[in-house]
Amino acid sequence: MGNLDRRMEEWCGFAGRLADESRRIQASSRRDPERHVKADRTFVTTLDVDIEKRCRALVAEHYPDHGFIGEEGGADNGDAEFVWVVDP
């Protein structure tokens, strides 16, 4: 297995961790999260924002050289070689 293959395997495991963390946040949230209308006239919930913030923080902690693009919070280091894209 090559170096990139090992890294991809690690990242897939980490993506699973992000999904698990998202489920945990969702399970502990209110049943009917607050909703707001964005400028583009679509809805965003407080749950969407909370999940994206947590995923962004975990990526920054574990992979500080990776970028992150989130639907609600925009891009951090979006021109990095490897970029996580999250849309809760």
Protein backbone atom coordinates (compact mmCIF):
# COMPACT_ATOMS: atom_id res chain seq x y z
CA MET A 1 0.00 0.00 0.00
CA GLY A 2 1.42 3.39 -0.99
CA ASN A 3 1.72 6.43 1.24
CA LEU A 4 -1.29 8.17 -0.34
CA ASP A 5 -3.37 5.00 0.08
CA ARG A 6 -2.51 4.88 3.79
CA ARG A 7 -3.36 8.55 4.16
CA MET A 8 -6.67 8.09 2.35
CA GLU A 9 -7.52 5.18 4.64
CA GLU A 10 -6.75 7.35 7.66
CA TRP A 11 -8.83 10.24 6.30
CA CYS A 12 -11.78 7.94 5.61
CA GLY A 13 -11.64 6.80 9.23
CA PHE A 14 -11.52 10.42 10.35
CA ALA A 15 -14.51 11.24 8.11
CA GLY A 16 -16.37 8.51 10.00
CA ARG A 17 -15.41 10.22 13.24
CA LEU A 18 -16.84 13.50 11.90
CA ALA A 19 -20.06 11.69 11.03
CA ASP A 20 -20.21 10.13 14.52
CA GLU A 21 -19.64 13.51 16.13
CA SER A 22 -22.35 15.04 13.95
CA ARG A 23 -24.80 12.33 15.03
CA ARG A 24 -23.90 12.94 18.67
CA ILE A 25 -24.58 16.67 18.33
CA GLN A 26 -27.84 16.01 16.52
CA ALA A 27 -28.99 13.48 19.13
CA SER A 28 -28.30 15.91 21.97
CA SER A 29 -30.00 18.88 20.30
CA ARG A 30 -33.51 20.17 20.57
CA ARG A 31 -36.04 18.36 18.42
CA ASP A 32 -36.91 21.53 16.54
CA PRO A 33 -33.77 23.66 16.12
CA GLU A 34 -34.10 27.35 15.35
CA ARG A 35 -34.27 28.14 11.64
CA HIS A 36 -33.10 31.25 9.87
CA VAL A 37 -33.44 32.35 6.27
CA LYS A 38 -30.11 33.05 4.59
CA ALA A 39 -29.46 35.73 1.99
CA ASP A 40 -30.03 33.20 -0.79
CA ARG A 41 -33.48 32.49 0.70
CA THR A 42 -32.58 28.99 1.89
CA PHE A 43 -32.87 27.83 5.47
CA VAL A 44 -30.12 27.17 7.96
CA THR A 45 -30.64 25.75 11.44
CA THR A 46 -28.62 26.29 14.57
CA LEU A 47 -27.92 22.56 14.37
CA ASP A 48 -26.32 23.00 10.91
CA VAL A 49 -24.07 25.73 12.29
CA ASP A 50 -23.12 23.78 15.43
CA ILE A 51 -22.21 20.65 13.49
CA GLU A 52 -20.15 22.57 10.96
CA LYS A 53 -18.27 24.45 13.70
CA ARG A 54 -17.41 21.18 15.45
CA CYS A 55 -16.25 19.52 12.24
CA ARG A 56 -14.17 22.59 11.36
CA ALA A 57 -12.52 22.52 14.80
CA LEU A 58 -11.73 18.79 14.59
CA VAL A 59 -10.19 19.11 11.12
CA ALA A 60 -8.09 22.08 12.26
CA GLU A 61 -6.93 20.14 15.32
CA HIS A 62 -6.02 16.91 13.53
CA TYR A 63 -5.02 18.20 10.09
CA PRO A 64 -3.91 21.84 10.47
CA ASP A 65 -2.41 21.89 6.96
CA HIS A 66 -5.72 20.86 5.36
CA GLY A 67 -8.33 23.32 4.19
CA PHE A 68 -11.98 23.40 5.15
CA ILE A 69 -14.99 24.63 3.22
CA GLY A 70 -18.33 24.73 4.99
CA GLU A 71 -21.68 25.78 3.59
CA GLU A 72 -22.37 28.07 6.53
CA GLY A 73 -18.92 29.32 7.52
CA GLY A 74 -17.09 29.56 4.22
CA ALA A 75 -13.50 28.57 3.58
CA ASP A 76 -10.40 28.33 5.74
CA ASN A 77 -7.24 27.59 3.79
CA GLY A 78 -9.40 26.64 0.80
CA ASP A 79 -6.40 26.49 -1.52
CA ALA A 80 -4.64 23.79 0.52
CA GLU A 81 -3.59 20.57 -1.20
CA PHE A 82 -6.27 18.67 0.71
CA VAL A 83 -9.61 20.28 1.57
CA TRP A 84 -12.54 18.98 3.61
CA VAL A 85 -15.96 20.06 2.31
CA VAL A 86 -18.81 19.89 4.83
CA ASP A 87 -22.48 20.64 4.30
CA PRO A 88 -24.40 19.52 7.37
